[in-house]
Amino acid sequence: MTDSIITIENAVNEYVAGRTAIKAAEQAELRRFERWLGKAKPMASLNPLDIEHYAARFSPSDPECNHKLDVVRKFLAHARDQGWVAINLSIHLKAKKGSTKTGGVTRAVRPEMAVLTKQGYDDIIKELAELNAQRPRVLEDIRRAAADKDFRENAPLHAAREQLGYIDGRIQELTAIVKSASIIGEAKADGGRVAVGDTVRLIDVASGQVLEYTIVGPKEANPTHGRISHISPIGKAIIGKVPGDTFDVVTPAGNHCYKVDGLQKC
């Protein structure tokens, strides 16, 4: 490509265009990847933490989980071969474990409690409402497309069925999150200390770079948009700090020392 900066959207477009046999479902998965991380995000800025957060959105109970992850792994391996990214990020795209074994007996792991801010919970409820509103329209699209008896060449039918599969899977995922959600309250007894839900302004002591993050639960994390999980390296290090504190943290980009320069309570 001739662009000096290759965005995720550019990279996905070129990757898809070069594969005539790529399936519609695989293209859809790559489009979800680019939307989640941000279409305009430069490929060169992707890091292992971005990929790990993306992998965390997949439910191990999804029978298509490994296939979907493999689609993105192949894309990331191709990105490394093309020089769009400096390292092979595909090795950081790992499925969450859904079961453990004790004494030779497989034991299902209980669903992880989702820690959500009030805004995050409201966003999920809104998305659920939108998905439930879309579902009847997609069913009608399937009914109309099925009127064409040549199912083998019926692209609208295949597309509508794939969309319905995505909608039903997403509804199931979000419903499970809502059922297990722990909502972070607005009132806190920790005064001016950093807690989940707060927005924090940091200064990189070495470079002077100013960073702003909102600390959220893993289900809401999106580092590209400044939302980091409280169990991420920076998230764990910053919880309980007050403005003026400095702390060291090891991130995928290396060792850093940060100063808490500002705090906005949720």
Foldseek 3Di string as FASTA:
>chain_A
DPDPFQFLLNLLVVVVVVDPPDDPLLNVLSVVVCVLQDRRHTLQPDFLVQQLLVLVLDDPVPPCSVVSLVSVLVSQQVCCVVVSYVDRSSVSNDHDDQWDDDPNDIDGDDDDFWEFEPVRLVVLVVVLVVLVVCLVVLVVQLVVLVVPVPVVPSVSNVVSVSVNVVSVVSNVSSVVNNVRYDYDDQDDPLPQADDQQKKWWKAFVVPRDIAIAHEGDSNPDHVSVRYHYCPAFVNVFRGGDGQQDKDWTQDSVGITIMGTHDMDGD
